Amino acid sequence: MKHPRPSWTRPLAVRLALPLLAALLVIPPALLLPAAAAAQEAPASQSPRQRIAFNDGWRFHLGDPDGNSAPYLYDVRPDVKKSADGKVADAMPEEAARIARAGATVLKPWILPTGNPFIRDPSKRHARPDGDPPIDAPFARADFNDSAWRAVRLPHDWAIEGPFLTTGPYGGMGRLKTWGPAWYRNKITVTQADQGKSIFLDVDGAMAYASVWVNGRLAGGWPYGYNSFRIDLTRWLKPGTNQLAIRLDNPPESARWYPGAGLYRNVWLTKTAPLHVGQWGVRVTTPQVSAQAARVAWQVTLDNDGAAPADAEVTTQLYALDDKGRITGAAVASMTSPRAAVAAGASTTLAGEATLANPRLWGPPPHQKPHRYTAVTTVRQGDRIVDRYETPFGIRELRFDPDRGLVVNGEHVPIRGVNNHHDLGALGAAFNARAAERQLEMLVEMGANALRMSHNPPDPQLLELTDRMGIVVMDEVFDSWQRKKTPLDFHLIFPDWHEQDLRAMIRRDRNHPSIVMWSVGNEVGEQYTGEDGAAIGRELVRIAHEEDGTRPATTAMNYAKADMPLPGTMDVISLNYQGTGIRTLPGQFPAFRAKFPDKVILHTESASALSSRGEYQFPVPGVLSAAVRPGAGGDPKTQQVSSYELFAADFGSSADRAFASLDQNPYTAGEFVWTGFDYLGEPTPYYGARSSYSGIIDLAGFKKDRFYAYQARWRPELPMVHILPHWTWPERVGEVTPVHVFTSGDEAELFVNGKSQGRQKKAPYAYRLRWDFVTYEPGTIEVVAYKDGKEWARSSVKTARAPAALQASADHTSIAGDGRDLSFITVKIVDEAGLPAPRANNRVRFTVEGPAELVATDNGDATSFTSFQSPERTAFNGLVLGIVRAKLGAKGPITVRVTADGLQATTVALRAQGG
């Protein structure tokens, strides 16, 4: 299948004129439509394309036949003799190990051709070997009896079930076994109505080294576990029932965090006429945008899988979408292209454009709204409609200004962002749209407006959410290039697959209005290799520009300095920690500014502050920022980090210090904090734990004190004040117990049992107010915050008595009966007066009555090895989380009962709304 260079591609100097990069329009690909948009499609008689959810009916098995994996390996892997778990997170990546491949039979030659549509140079594409691999794969055969295998519904992450690995070097990957072969099997029925159609398997993500088998034959695969991919099943299928099998083989030591395992994203069957819109085949841009008019341009790539040439006519209509992604009103523009001939087995690209008056622009709140449109592409062959394809997009102008940063539709938008890994806490890596939406809602409440996908392409549903919510995105493809960070990470396949993976990510995602830049790497080892590393960076940026000339490309650097070769190859200078300064090294913002005055400079990872929610350790040092050390921010015995929010990873800093570095260098575009949420794996500084400490919000979704530091900075218009620590310290009567305050005001006064402890005003480059010599006495502490001399906000904290009862609340009480929607139940332990008991650790039990099930529980404690599936869990500093899902098709009342020995029980009433 050919993928010719699109007609819109211009010379590089024209396409990327930074800092005045006019980023055109953007669209979520049509194959990734939300259900609401899909409901707007024409009747089936007019739209031969079918996109069928293929998540039900799967059988799952861990392990290969007879425990022998040798015949099924994608490629030979190096021997791993020593684990690197617990290695300093900013350690220099190492050279790739040399691998002896002589005489090895591997599946690689049969899998490489799957990536051919994403290899630009036809001479570099891969020919499939004659015949099938010389192996017999019983798990792939149609006559294999899989009735004893486990029935599962996708998305499925088998590793999250544990058990946790309590010993050994497994903290980096979350102390959950994610490695080893796994097989999934399902049936595909080809009916008379499918005669002559092209049939594709579309996988949104599979971890990892996927090989896809049809009726016992290897059809193709994709090694990288984070990218979406397509397998053309047409030639392998026969009328009637067909057996599909997918083998996955995530290696050990393949990541620095929890990668998850299994078919952890959606899987689809797509059926089309032979002449159809190609995979991710519609691209929309907006070359000119103003409030008065916008020029919308599009290119449509048609594939002809038939044996004869086909004459095609393409009509494109533009419609406005409402805030739920549904078509509203009549078409606002329409254009039909002249008929074009598409040769058999070939592709062609047709272009069109229209001008819209008074366009509804996409932009980030609070000053703009994320309006969207959709392009409806109808393909006719003669008088017949042979395809219909919807492509949501947004109209917006994007510029990058070296003196200000990001400018959207003429408005300067400081980047107030976070990094997030892809796991969803207790749910693991299996993507769930409601769980992701909950995370984004909390980040928006904090004041965040941006998200960096660290360090891999996300589930496409996450980008649908960021589009709808108006959150700007840095989309990232790789954590490593040719040099390795862990022995079996992506560096093993980078030489063969970097072009395919990068092009696939950009083609899938380039129409999302929320994406404002591409990242081709993170802290790669090629920072250390001078011009050799820069050559790789230059190649990746070139590929990104070829796929999308409307956005800049970057790579996040934690080592490369301004005078080194790699930074000069990037469109945007992205610094991890270097801006503030790493360890004893000074901040690098000024040096990069002097070297690259015409490039935007961005803090892609800032802070990496560490804390355990609700844990406060004494004494409290009078510092602004410090590395965690025993007795100074950290307790190696409990493996907890103090929540005074003064402590960080060795290479990082407190939020306060990161804020100051940005304010002292006002030309910076903003920051992506490491991280928005705690995540499974990489538990710096205590690798005996299961999950990280760097989140602003803990793994269960409970806010740490740091949440309010960011809210005070990012939402200065919001009257708020937050006090820490809690005030229940019976063993500290008469002892010094510092009180710190985060507020959007500019001064505050502290009272202890009504007695003033003094009124303080924020000093320049200070982001908290601190009373470090308060003597503890039970009762009430209260803070009154002021702004411009007037009272702005007030808050108080009271001493709690013994735990007496449970209080529970749901984030929403109505659950769709689609088998996916979730309700998150927060349980607080309180005293007899209803005050939170901030140190309670009672064991809490969940029971669900009605048409629903308890999916998982958590408490945010990084050291807890209780299974996430357990209905019982010890509270961590007074809080526990339960996650409930209505059963598929369920309707009716649900009661969640929460009990604990010695405490008054409680219930939460929910309702399932049917499928």
Foldseek 3Di string as FASTA:
>chain_A
DEDDQDPPFDPLCVLDVPQFQWFWWFWFFQLPADPQAVVPDDPCQAAVKDKFFDFFDKFKDFAAVVNDCQLEAQADADDDDDFCFQPAPLDFFFFADDDDGPPGFHCNLQAQQQLQNLDNDNVPHGDRDPDFRPDFGLVQAPPRDRVVTDGDGPPDFPQLQAQFQLDDRCQQQQSTDAFGKMKMKGKDADAPVQPQKWKKKKQLFAAAFKWKHKNRGTQYGHGDGHHIGMTGCVVVDDHGMMMIMIMHGHHPQADRYHPTHGSQEIMIMIIFHQKEFDDLFKDKTWPDDAQFKTKIKMKTKIFRQDPAKFKKKKKKFKFWADLVGYGDDDTQDMDIDPIDIAGHGGMDMDMDMDMGGRDQAAAADDVHALTKMKIWMWMDTVNGTGHITIIIMGGWTWGQFLQQGIAINNRQDFQQAAEDEQALFSNGNRDFLQSLLLLVVLCVLLQGQEYEHPADAYRSSNLVSCSSNRRAYAGHHEAEACGDPTNNYPNVCRVSPLSSRLLSSCSSGRRRRRYAEYEHYEQYSLLVVFPVSLVVLLVSQVSVCSNGSSHWYHYEHADRALPTRNQVSGQAAEYELQQLHFQPGHRRPVRNCVSCVRHAYEHAEAAQFFFFAQAAADDADPDQAEEDDPNHQAPLVQRGGHLPQRYHHNGHTGPLSRVLSCVVSVSHSHYHYHHQEKGFRPQPPHSSFRIHGRHCAFSLRHGGPVSLLSSLVSVLVAQDKDKDDAQACVPQAFHFDKMKMAGSAQKKWKDDVRHTPDIDGADPSGGMDMDRGDGHDAFKMKMFGHHPRHTRDMDMHHHFDDFAAKDKDWPDQEAEQAQRGKIKIKIFTGHPVRHGQQAFFFKKAKDKDFQKDWQFKDARDRHDSPNRRHRIGTHHRGIMMIMMHGHHQGWAKMKMKMDTPNHHIDIDIHTYHGD
